[in-house]
Every structure is written in C-alpha cells, then in structure tokens.
Amino acid sequence: LDMLKKALVEVEAEDVQRRERESTGEFNAGAYIRANNKLQIEKGKTAIPLLLSISGQLEVDMLGLSDTHLQVVLGVDEISGVQSTAEEVLRTIHTQKELIEREEELPKSLR
C-alpha cells in the first residue's frame, strides 16, 4: 500500500509540475480538460496493476469498489478517479471483443 500511495503522490506531483510548465497564465478550458484526462490515465496506469495484484492476494475484487470505498479501505486519498478509468478500459476491451467476434471493422479510434 505504501508503494501505491507513493506512486500516486508522484503522479499527482508530476501533473502539478506539467501544468505549471504548460501554463500561459490564462485559463484554457481545453487544456484543463486534457490535463485532467491525462492525470486520470496516468493514475490508472499506475494503480490498476497494483490493485489487480492486491485483488489476487486478498481474493477480493478491488476494482469492484468505488473510489470512495477504495480511499477508505486502502487509506489512499490519491486513488480518486482510478475506478472510473478502470471501467472505461474494460468497456473499451469489451467493445473491441464484440466487434472482433462479429468480424466487424474496428473504429479507427480503437485500432
């Protein structure tokens, strides 16, 4: 759990530094949304493999818990947003699987 917390704190710190570097001093809604999406993706890439490992060790589906439950159970406040990222990844995989099974062409965005 310490490794998970340290990794997520590092991801958030890198996000703050990136936003400061890229800041023009003016609010840019598009840049704000892209930065938030990138942060959630990075947190997911960091946390999901560790959550899967914890799930295997405890024989409990950690990704079935909400962000709030994960924060309480693991004591890691920085985990917010990871569960929704995991859901999006699974939804994309499921969509691709169905398209492959039906032998349909994958949308360009999913290739």
C-alpha atoms as a PDB file:
ATOM      1  CA  LEU A   1       0.000   0.000   0.000  1.00  0.00           C
ATOM      2  CA  ASP A   2       2.897   2.344   0.676  1.00  0.00           C
ATOM      3  CA  MET A   3       4.148   1.740  -2.858  1.00  0.00           C
ATOM      4  CA  LEU A   4       0.696   2.566  -4.260  1.00  0.00           C
ATOM      5  CA  LYS A   5       0.437   5.771  -2.247  1.00  0.00           C
ATOM      6  CA  LYS A   6       3.963   6.887  -3.176  1.00  0.00           C
ATOM      7  CA  ALA A   7       3.352   6.171  -6.857  1.00  0.00           C
ATOM      8  CA  LEU A   8       0.076   8.134  -6.903  1.00  0.00           C
ATOM      9  CA  VAL A   9       1.592  11.065  -4.992  1.00  0.00           C
ATOM     10  CA  GLU A  10       4.390  11.117  -7.584  1.00  0.00           C
ATOM     11  CA  VAL A  11       1.873  11.073 -10.473  1.00  0.00           C
ATOM     12  CA  GLU A  12      -0.015  13.995  -8.923  1.00  0.00           C
ATOM     13  CA  ALA A  13       3.219  15.930  -8.308  1.00  0.00           C
ATOM     14  CA  GLU A  14       4.273  15.401 -11.927  1.00  0.00           C
ATOM     15  CA  ASP A  15       0.846  16.644 -13.007  1.00  0.00           C
ATOM     16  CA  VAL A  16       1.253  19.849 -10.990  1.00  0.00           C
ATOM     17  CA  GLN A  17       4.710  20.434 -12.469  1.00  0.00           C
ATOM     18  CA  ARG A  18       3.448  19.767 -16.018  1.00  0.00           C
ATOM     19  CA  ARG A  19       0.535  22.178 -15.565  1.00  0.00           C
ATOM     20  CA  GLU A  20       2.894  24.866 -14.257  1.00  0.00           C
ATOM     21  CA  ARG A  21       5.259  24.395 -17.220  1.00  0.00           C
ATOM     22  CA  GLU A  22       2.431  24.490 -19.755  1.00  0.00           C
ATOM     23  CA  SER A  23       0.531  27.353 -18.128  1.00  0.00           C
ATOM     24  CA  THR A  24       0.186  30.537 -20.162  1.00  0.00           C
ATOM     25  CA  GLY A  25      -1.286  32.483 -17.279  1.00  0.00           C
ATOM     26  CA  GLU A  26      -4.727  32.463 -18.872  1.00  0.00           C
ATOM     27  CA  PHE A  27      -7.461  29.913 -18.299  1.00  0.00           C
ATOM     28  CA  ASN A  28      -7.795  27.467 -21.179  1.00  0.00           C
ATOM     29  CA  ALA A  29     -10.756  25.092 -20.801  1.00  0.00           C
ATOM     30  CA  GLY A  30      -9.453  22.652 -23.413  1.00  0.00           C
ATOM     31  CA  ALA A  31      -6.037  22.426 -21.781  1.00  0.00           C
ATOM     32  CA  TYR A  32      -7.683  21.956 -18.383  1.00  0.00           C
ATOM     33  CA  ILE A  33      -9.802  19.040 -19.621  1.00  0.00           C
ATOM     34  CA  ARG A  34      -6.850  17.423 -21.421  1.00  0.00           C
ATOM     35  CA  ALA A  35      -4.687  17.772 -18.295  1.00  0.00           C
ATOM     36  CA  ASN A  36      -7.375  16.167 -16.113  1.00  0.00           C
ATOM     37  CA  ASN A  37      -7.818  13.311 -18.592  1.00  0.00           C
ATOM     38  CA  LYS A  38      -4.058  12.767 -18.715  1.00  0.00           C
ATOM     39  CA  LEU A  39      -3.887  12.743 -14.911  1.00  0.00           C
ATOM     40  CA  GLN A  40      -6.629  10.104 -14.678  1.00  0.00           C
ATOM     41  CA  ILE A  41      -4.918   7.963 -17.325  1.00  0.00           C
ATOM     42  CA  GLU A  42      -1.567   8.163 -15.526  1.00  0.00           C
ATOM     43  CA  LYS A  43      -3.180   7.352 -12.172  1.00  0.00           C
ATOM     44  CA  GLY A  44      -4.940   4.380 -13.793  1.00  0.00           C
ATOM     45  CA  LYS A  45      -1.726   3.097 -15.399  1.00  0.00           C
ATOM     46  CA  THR A  46      -0.045   3.330 -12.019  1.00  0.00           C
ATOM     47  CA  ALA A  47      -2.774   2.000  -9.724  1.00  0.00           C
ATOM     48  CA  ILE A  48      -4.712  -0.611 -11.715  1.00  0.00           C
ATOM     49  CA  PRO A  49      -1.890  -3.203 -11.904  1.00  0.00           C
ATOM     50  CA  LEU A  50      -1.267  -2.798  -8.171  1.00  0.00           C
ATOM     51  CA  LEU A  51      -4.989  -3.088  -7.403  1.00  0.00           C
ATOM     52  CA  LEU A  52      -5.167  -6.267  -9.501  1.00  0.00           C
ATOM     53  CA  SER A  53      -2.241  -7.686  -7.543  1.00  0.00           C
ATOM     54  CA  ILE A  54      -3.911  -6.803  -4.234  1.00  0.00           C
ATOM     55  CA  SER A  55      -7.152  -8.342  -5.521  1.00  0.00           C
ATOM     56  CA  GLY A  56      -5.344 -11.588  -6.291  1.00  0.00           C
ATOM     57  CA  GLN A  57      -3.676 -11.721  -2.900  1.00  0.00           C
ATOM     58  CA  LEU A  58      -6.831 -10.927  -0.935  1.00  0.00           C
ATOM     59  CA  GLU A  59      -9.221 -12.708  -3.310  1.00  0.00           C
ATOM     60  CA  VAL A  60     -11.390  -9.572  -3.322  1.00  0.00           C
ATOM     61  CA  ASP A  61     -12.269  -7.599  -6.466  1.00  0.00           C
ATOM     62  CA  MET A  62     -10.753  -4.242  -5.542  1.00  0.00           C
ATOM     63  CA  LEU A  63     -11.852  -2.735  -8.871  1.00  0.00           C
ATOM     64  CA  GLY A  64     -15.447  -3.509  -7.916  1.00  0.00           C
ATOM     65  CA  LEU A  65     -15.192  -0.903  -5.169  1.00  0.00           C
ATOM     66  CA  SER A  66     -15.994   2.770  -5.714  1.00  0.00           C
ATOM     67  CA  ASP A  67     -13.283   5.402  -5.422  1.00  0.00           C
ATOM     68  CA  THR A  68     -14.625   6.386  -2.017  1.00  0.00           C
ATOM     69  CA  HIS A  69     -14.523   2.805  -0.785  1.00  0.00           C
ATOM     70  CA  LEU A  70     -11.004   2.350  -2.144  1.00  0.00           C
ATOM     71  CA  GLN A  71      -9.900   5.517  -0.351  1.00  0.00           C
ATOM     72  CA  VAL A  72     -11.314   4.261   2.945  1.00  0.00           C
ATOM     73  CA  VAL A  73     -10.227   0.610   2.646  1.00  0.00           C
ATOM     74  CA  LEU A  74      -6.706   1.377   1.425  1.00  0.00           C
ATOM     75  CA  GLY A  75      -6.246   4.685   3.218  1.00  0.00           C
ATOM     76  CA  VAL A  76      -5.033   6.261  -0.024  1.00  0.00           C
ATOM     77  CA  ASP A  77      -6.846   9.519  -0.795  1.00  0.00           C
ATOM     78  CA  GLU A  78      -4.942   9.966  -4.074  1.00  0.00           C
ATOM     79  CA  ILE A  79      -6.715   6.966  -5.628  1.00  0.00           C
ATOM     80  CA  SER A  80      -9.724   9.051  -6.672  1.00  0.00           C
ATOM     81  CA  GLY A  81     -10.649   8.589 -10.331  1.00  0.00           C
ATOM     82  CA  VAL A  82      -8.926   5.233 -10.750  1.00  0.00           C
ATOM     83  CA  GLN A  83     -12.105   3.157 -10.617  1.00  0.00           C
ATOM     84  CA  SER A  84     -13.764   5.138 -13.418  1.00  0.00           C
ATOM     85  CA  THR A  85     -10.607   4.775 -15.527  1.00  0.00           C
ATOM     86  CA  ALA A  86     -10.699   1.010 -14.966  1.00  0.00           C
ATOM     87  CA  GLU A  87     -14.362   0.936 -16.045  1.00  0.00           C
ATOM     88  CA  GLU A  88     -13.534   2.813 -19.261  1.00  0.00           C
ATOM     89  CA  VAL A  89     -10.677   0.418 -20.052  1.00  0.00           C
ATOM     90  CA  LEU A  90     -12.932  -2.605 -19.509  1.00  0.00           C
ATOM     91  CA  ARG A  91     -15.695  -1.029 -21.611  1.00  0.00           C
ATOM     92  CA  THR A  92     -13.251  -0.444 -24.479  1.00  0.00           C
ATOM     93  CA  ILE A  93     -11.946  -4.013 -24.274  1.00  0.00           C
ATOM     94  CA  HIS A  94     -15.493  -5.382 -24.229  1.00  0.00           C
ATOM     95  CA  THR A  95     -16.440  -3.282 -27.283  1.00  0.00           C
ATOM     96  CA  GLN A  96     -13.375  -4.454 -29.209  1.00  0.00           C
ATOM     97  CA  LYS A  97     -14.049  -8.077 -28.268  1.00  0.00           C
ATOM     98  CA  GLU A  98     -17.624  -7.867 -29.564  1.00  0.00           C
ATOM     99  CA  LEU A  99     -16.520  -6.240 -32.826  1.00  0.00           C
ATOM    100  CA  ILE A 100     -13.850  -8.899 -33.345  1.00  0.00           C
ATOM    101  CA  GLU A 101     -16.303 -11.723 -32.618  1.00  0.00           C
ATOM    102  CA  ARG A 102     -18.793 -10.276 -35.124  1.00  0.00           C
ATOM    103  CA  GLU A 103     -15.902  -9.803 -37.558  1.00  0.00           C
ATOM    104  CA  GLU A 104     -16.736  -6.141 -37.932  1.00  0.00           C
ATOM    105  CA  GLU A 105     -14.137  -3.492 -38.679  1.00  0.00           C
ATOM    106  CA  LEU A 106     -12.806  -1.733 -35.610  1.00  0.00           C
ATOM    107  CA  PRO A 107     -13.351   2.020 -35.466  1.00  0.00           C
ATOM    108  CA  LYS A 108     -10.139   3.906 -36.224  1.00  0.00           C
ATOM    109  CA  SER A 109     -10.057   5.253 -32.670  1.00  0.00           C
ATOM    110  CA  LEU A 110      -9.892   1.683 -31.279  1.00  0.00           C
ATOM    111  CA  ARG A 111      -7.180   0.313 -33.552  1.00  0.00           C
END
